[in-house]
Amino acid sequence: MALPLDVRWIHGSESAKHNTDPDIQVFWYDENSVILRQNMAINYEAPFLFLLFGEHTVALVDTGATESAELFPLRRTVDELIEQWLARNPRLDYRLLVLHSHGHGDHVAGDGQFAGRAGTTVVDAGLASVRAFFGFDGHGMATLDLGGRVLECLASPGHHEAAVTYFDPWTGFLLTGDTVYPGRLYVQDWAAFGATIDLLVDFAGRRPVSHVLGCHIEMTRESGVDYPIRTTYQPDEPPLELTVAQLREIQSAIRDIGDRPGVHAFPSFVIYRQ
């Protein structure tokens, strides 16, 4: 049975001077799964990151929007979380694998913090590197074994040519990066985006998806209304998690938009056909 995301996310402050949020919010969804959110005072993108623990490897999906470890102490936070997990699950030679939902700057900026870290692999977010690492089959799918926890990985172009969606059977999370989330869906390649959404709808219909989790919240709770770009205070955010039914709404929206370029607002998302 899926656990609800019983959490109130940090969502910025009316005044940066009075911001008391942590640099990185840490939410243990269960004893082997962590969701992180970057503080809006550090970067307005406030992306979400995901840490998934397996028996021999922990996967970090994305590294946030800020390079500086002083401003955004991602490595220190991840190291502390790994130490906490290893205290409960002692073992030697535990590895860290840094993956990405896609290669835009607000998802890869912290990569350098992990340079030189022992037992760590950082997968470059470029298309050639992603294809080489995952070795996608003819359907754009691959699996990744963290040790007793096997992620299903789907090539998901449209927003970004090297985007990857991850399905985690342990939690039922479908991690969709910037392809699907409650916010502005910027489409780089319209045909590829439509094909990816069709793939995700079909895939999710055959898997026990608990939550569809993207990397941002940009909508308000008012239907079809998003926060302005570069907003650093979002007190009226909807939940991060979307449903498979909302995936189908995006699929229907694509068909409704057809060949029309521009900005198209729907209740839970806004599609930017560039």
Protein backbone atom coordinates (compact mmCIF):
# COMPACT_ATOMS: atom_id res chain seq x y z
CA MET A 1 0.00 0.00 0.00
CA ALA A 2 1.40 3.41 -0.98
CA LEU A 3 2.32 5.75 1.82
CA PRO A 4 1.11 9.34 1.48
CA LEU A 5 3.68 12.12 1.26
CA ASP A 6 2.83 13.49 4.69
CA VAL A 7 5.07 16.54 4.48
CA ARG A 8 4.84 20.30 4.11
CA TRP A 9 7.60 21.40 1.78
CA ILE A 10 9.69 24.47 2.44
CA HIS A 11 8.36 27.09 0.03
CA GLY A 12 10.38 30.25 0.54
CA SER A 13 9.90 33.37 2.60
CA GLU A 14 8.44 36.82 1.95
CA SER A 15 11.83 38.22 2.93
CA ALA A 16 15.18 36.56 2.30
CA LYS A 17 16.40 38.27 5.46
CA HIS A 18 13.81 36.40 7.50
CA ASN A 19 14.21 33.05 5.77
CA THR A 20 14.65 30.33 8.40
CA ASP A 21 14.27 27.29 6.16
CA PRO A 22 17.15 24.80 6.02
CA ASP A 23 19.41 24.92 2.96
CA ILE A 24 18.07 21.49 2.04
CA GLN A 25 14.86 19.98 3.36
CA VAL A 26 15.17 16.26 4.13
CA PHE A 27 12.10 14.00 4.11
CA TRP A 28 12.48 10.29 4.82
CA TYR A 29 9.58 8.74 2.91
CA ASP A 30 10.51 5.36 4.35
CA GLU A 31 13.67 3.92 5.89
CA ASN A 32 15.28 3.49 2.45
CA SER A 33 13.99 6.48 0.48
CA VAL A 34 14.64 10.21 0.90
CA ILE A 35 13.21 13.24 -0.91
CA LEU A 36 15.23 16.47 -0.74
CA ARG A 37 14.22 20.02 -1.66
CA GLN A 38 16.57 22.93 -2.21
CA ASN A 39 15.76 26.17 -0.40
CA MET A 40 14.23 28.87 -2.64
CA ALA A 41 16.41 31.47 -0.96
CA ILE A 42 19.43 29.74 -2.51
CA ASN A 43 17.84 29.31 -5.94
CA TYR A 44 14.30 30.10 -7.06
CA GLU A 45 14.11 26.81 -8.98
CA ALA A 46 13.92 24.96 -5.62
CA PRO A 47 14.34 21.55 -7.28
CA PHE A 48 13.56 18.22 -5.66
CA LEU A 49 16.19 15.47 -5.51
CA PHE A 50 15.79 11.79 -4.66
CA LEU A 51 18.01 9.40 -2.71
CA LEU A 52 17.21 5.69 -3.07
CA PHE A 53 19.08 3.14 -0.96
CA GLY A 54 19.77 -0.38 -2.21
CA GLU A 55 21.79 -3.16 -0.59
CA HIS A 56 25.10 -2.23 -2.25
CA THR A 57 24.43 1.15 -3.91
CA VAL A 58 22.52 4.33 -3.16
CA ALA A 59 21.31 6.37 -6.13
CA LEU A 60 21.07 10.14 -6.00
CA VAL A 61 18.82 11.48 -8.76
CA ASP A 62 19.91 15.06 -9.62
CA THR A 63 22.25 17.43 -7.80
CA GLY A 64 20.32 20.68 -7.63
CA ALA A 65 20.69 24.22 -8.95
CA THR A 66 23.74 25.53 -7.07
CA GLU A 67 27.39 24.64 -7.53
CA SER A 68 28.77 26.03 -4.28
CA ALA A 69 28.99 23.56 -1.41
CA GLU A 70 29.05 26.52 0.99
CA LEU A 71 25.72 27.85 -0.26
CA PHE A 72 24.21 24.45 -1.02
CA PRO A 73 25.82 21.69 1.10
CA LEU A 74 24.53 18.77 -0.92
CA ARG A 75 27.48 16.42 -0.53
CA ARG A 76 27.62 16.99 3.22
CA THR A 77 23.88 16.31 3.48
CA VAL A 78 24.07 13.16 1.33
CA ASP A 79 27.08 11.89 3.29
CA GLU A 80 25.20 12.40 6.56
CA LEU A 81 22.15 10.56 5.23
CA ILE A 82 24.31 7.68 4.04
CA GLU A 83 25.97 7.52 7.47
CA GLN A 84 22.53 7.37 9.10
CA TRP A 85 21.45 4.54 6.79
CA LEU A 86 24.69 2.60 7.29
CA ALA A 87 24.31 2.91 11.06
CA ARG A 88 21.06 0.95 10.67
CA ASN A 89 22.37 -1.30 7.89
CA PRO A 90 26.11 -1.86 8.49
CA ARG A 91 28.17 -3.00 5.50
CA LEU A 92 31.47 -2.35 3.79
CA ASP A 93 32.13 -0.93 0.33
CA TYR A 94 28.85 0.93 -0.02
CA ARG A 95 28.67 2.90 -3.28
CA LEU A 96 27.04 6.15 -4.41
CA LEU A 97 25.69 6.50 -7.95
CA VAL A 98 24.79 10.02 -9.08
CA LEU A 99 22.16 10.02 -11.83
CA HIS A 100 20.11 12.77 -13.46
CA SER A 101 16.57 13.30 -14.67
CA HIS A 102 18.08 15.46 -17.45
CA GLY A 103 20.95 17.81 -18.12
CA HIS A 104 19.62 21.30 -17.47
CA GLY A 105 21.68 23.43 -15.10
CA ASP A 106 19.27 23.35 -12.16
CA HIS A 107 19.63 19.56 -12.02
CA VAL A 108 23.38 19.09 -12.50
CA ALA A 109 24.97 22.12 -10.80
CA GLY A 110 26.04 20.17 -7.72
CA ASP A 111 27.81 17.38 -9.63
CA GLY A 112 31.22 18.83 -8.88
CA GLN A 113 30.67 18.41 -5.14
CA PHE A 114 31.06 14.65 -5.64
CA ALA A 115 34.28 14.82 -7.64
CA GLY A 116 36.92 12.67 -6.01
CA ARG A 117 34.50 11.09 -3.53
CA ALA A 118 35.53 7.48 -2.92
CA GLY A 119 33.17 4.77 -4.14
CA THR A 120 31.23 7.21 -6.28
CA THR A 121 30.18 7.25 -9.93
CA VAL A 122 28.74 10.43 -11.43
CA VAL A 123 26.99 9.75 -14.73
CA ASP A 124 27.37 12.71 -17.06
CA ALA A 125 23.97 14.07 -18.13
CA GLY A 126 24.85 14.42 -21.84
CA LEU A 127 23.04 12.27 -24.38
CA ALA A 128 26.03 10.13 -25.39
CA SER A 129 26.98 9.43 -21.77
CA VAL A 130 23.41 8.60 -20.78
CA ARG A 131 22.99 6.19 -23.69
CA ALA A 132 26.33 4.54 -22.98
CA PHE A 133 25.63 4.11 -19.26
CA PHE A 134 22.09 2.76 -19.50
CA GLY A 135 22.38 0.83 -22.76
CA PHE A 136 18.70 1.34 -23.53
CA ASP A 137 16.99 -1.40 -25.54
CA GLY A 138 15.01 -0.74 -28.72
CA HIS A 139 12.11 0.55 -26.63
CA GLY A 140 14.29 3.01 -24.72
CA MET A 141 14.19 0.99 -21.50
CA ALA A 142 16.83 -0.36 -19.14
CA THR A 143 17.13 -1.65 -15.57
CA LEU A 144 19.51 -0.61 -12.82
CA ASP A 145 20.12 -2.88 -9.82
CA LEU A 146 21.02 -1.09 -6.59
CA GLY A 147 21.00 -4.38 -4.71
CA GLY A 148 17.55 -5.76 -3.94
CA ARG A 149 16.08 -2.64 -5.52
CA VAL A 150 15.91 -2.59 -9.30
CA LEU A 151 14.99 0.69 -10.98
CA GLU A 152 13.31 0.66 -14.38
CA CYS A 153 14.74 3.47 -16.50
CA LEU A 154 13.00 4.98 -19.53
CA ALA A 155 14.49 7.30 -22.11
CA SER A 156 12.11 10.29 -22.05
CA PRO A 157 13.02 12.94 -24.64
CA GLY A 158 10.85 15.96 -25.32
CA HIS A 159 11.75 18.40 -22.59
CA HIS A 160 15.42 17.47 -22.95
CA GLU A 161 17.00 15.05 -25.39
CA ALA A 162 18.72 13.02 -22.64
CA ALA A 163 15.87 12.98 -20.11
CA VAL A 164 15.35 9.75 -18.16
CA THR A 165 12.33 8.68 -16.12
CA TYR A 166 12.89 6.24 -13.24
CA PHE A 167 10.35 3.81 -11.80
CA ASP A 168 11.13 2.51 -8.34
CA PRO A 169 9.05 -0.60 -7.52
CA TRP A 170 10.06 -0.31 -3.83
CA THR A 171 8.06 2.89 -3.32
CA GLY A 172 6.00 2.97 -6.52
CA PHE A 173 7.57 6.35 -7.36
CA LEU A 174 7.62 7.33 -11.01
CA LEU A 175 10.34 10.01 -11.10
CA THR A 176 9.62 12.20 -14.12
CA GLY A 177 12.07 15.09 -13.74
CA ASP A 178 10.91 18.13 -15.70
CA THR A 179 8.87 16.06 -18.15
CA VAL A 180 5.87 15.94 -15.80
CA TYR A 181 5.33 17.98 -12.63
CA PRO A 182 2.83 20.53 -11.25
CA GLY A 183 4.18 23.47 -13.20
CA ARG A 184 5.36 24.74 -16.57
CA LEU A 185 6.13 21.88 -18.95
CA TYR A 186 8.61 23.34 -21.44
CA VAL A 187 8.65 21.26 -24.61
CA GLN A 188 11.81 21.26 -26.71
CA ASP A 189 10.66 18.57 -29.18
CA TRP A 190 6.88 18.32 -29.57
CA ALA A 191 6.78 14.96 -31.34
CA ALA A 192 9.22 13.40 -28.89
CA PHE A 193 7.31 14.84 -25.92
CA GLY A 194 4.04 13.34 -27.14
CA ALA A 195 5.67 9.95 -27.66
CA THR A 196 7.20 10.10 -24.17
CA ILE A 197 3.88 10.91 -22.52
CA ASP A 198 2.24 8.05 -24.43
CA LEU A 199 5.02 5.76 -23.19
CA LEU A 200 4.62 6.90 -19.58
CA VAL A 201 0.84 6.49 -19.64
CA ASP A 202 1.17 2.98 -21.03
CA PHE A 203 3.99 2.09 -18.63
CA ALA A 204 2.17 3.47 -15.58
CA GLY A 205 -0.93 1.51 -16.55
CA ARG A 206 1.09 -1.70 -16.15
CA ARG A 207 2.96 -0.83 -12.96
CA PRO A 208 1.87 -0.15 -9.35
CA VAL A 209 2.66 3.58 -9.50
CA SER A 210 1.99 5.25 -6.14
CA HIS A 211 3.08 8.81 -6.96
CA VAL A 212 4.24 10.63 -10.08
CA LEU A 213 7.02 12.87 -8.79
CA GLY A 214 8.66 15.59 -10.83
CA CYS A 215 11.37 18.01 -9.75
CA HIS A 216 9.52 21.30 -9.18
CA ILE A 217 6.30 22.85 -7.94
CA GLU A 218 5.31 25.97 -9.91
CA MET A 219 1.51 25.90 -9.76
CA THR A 220 -0.73 27.57 -7.20
CA ARG A 221 -3.76 25.81 -5.78
CA GLU A 222 -5.92 27.89 -8.11
CA SER A 223 -6.81 25.84 -11.17
CA GLY A 224 -4.58 26.64 -14.14
CA VAL A 225 -2.63 29.41 -12.38
CA ASP A 226 1.13 29.18 -11.92
CA TYR A 227 3.49 31.33 -9.88
CA PRO A 228 5.48 33.87 -11.91
CA ILE A 229 8.89 32.74 -13.08
CA ARG A 230 11.64 33.45 -10.50
CA THR A 231 9.16 33.47 -7.62
CA THR A 232 10.91 32.80 -4.30
CA TYR A 233 7.83 32.59 -2.06
CA GLN A 234 5.10 30.08 -2.81
CA PRO A 235 2.82 29.78 0.22
CA ASP A 236 -0.09 28.34 -1.78
CA GLU A 237 1.65 25.39 -3.42
CA PRO A 238 -0.25 22.22 -4.36
CA PRO A 239 1.35 18.87 -3.49
CA LEU A 240 4.40 17.71 -5.43
CA GLU A 241 2.86 14.35 -6.24
CA LEU A 242 0.67 13.85 -9.29
CA THR A 243 -1.40 10.80 -10.23
CA VAL A 244 -1.53 8.47 -13.20
CA ALA A 245 -4.89 10.06 -14.02
CA GLN A 246 -3.10 13.42 -14.32
CA LEU A 247 -0.57 11.79 -16.66
CA ARG A 248 -3.54 10.95 -18.85
CA GLU A 249 -4.70 14.56 -18.61
CA ILE A 250 -1.36 15.64 -20.07
CA GLN A 251 -1.80 13.10 -22.85
CA SER A 252 -5.25 14.52 -23.62
CA ALA A 253 -3.91 18.09 -23.45
CA ILE A 254 -1.28 17.27 -26.08
CA ARG A 255 -4.01 16.05 -28.41
CA ASP A 256 -6.12 19.14 -27.72
CA ILE A 257 -3.20 21.47 -28.46
CA GLY A 258 -2.39 19.75 -31.74
CA ASP A 259 -0.27 21.98 -33.95
CA ARG A 260 -0.90 25.20 -32.01
CA PRO A 261 2.25 26.79 -30.55
CA GLY A 262 2.18 28.95 -27.45
CA VAL A 263 1.30 28.70 -23.76
CA HIS A 264 -1.57 26.38 -22.84
CA ALA A 265 -2.86 26.34 -19.25
CA PHE A 266 -4.64 23.35 -17.73
CA PRO A 267 -5.78 22.79 -14.14
CA SER A 268 -2.60 21.09 -12.84
CA PHE A 269 0.05 22.17 -15.35
CA VAL A 270 0.90 24.63 -18.11
CA ILE A 271 2.34 23.40 -21.41
CA TYR A 272 4.79 25.64 -23.23
CA ARG A 273 4.98 24.50 -26.82
CA GLN A 274 8.10 26.35 -27.97
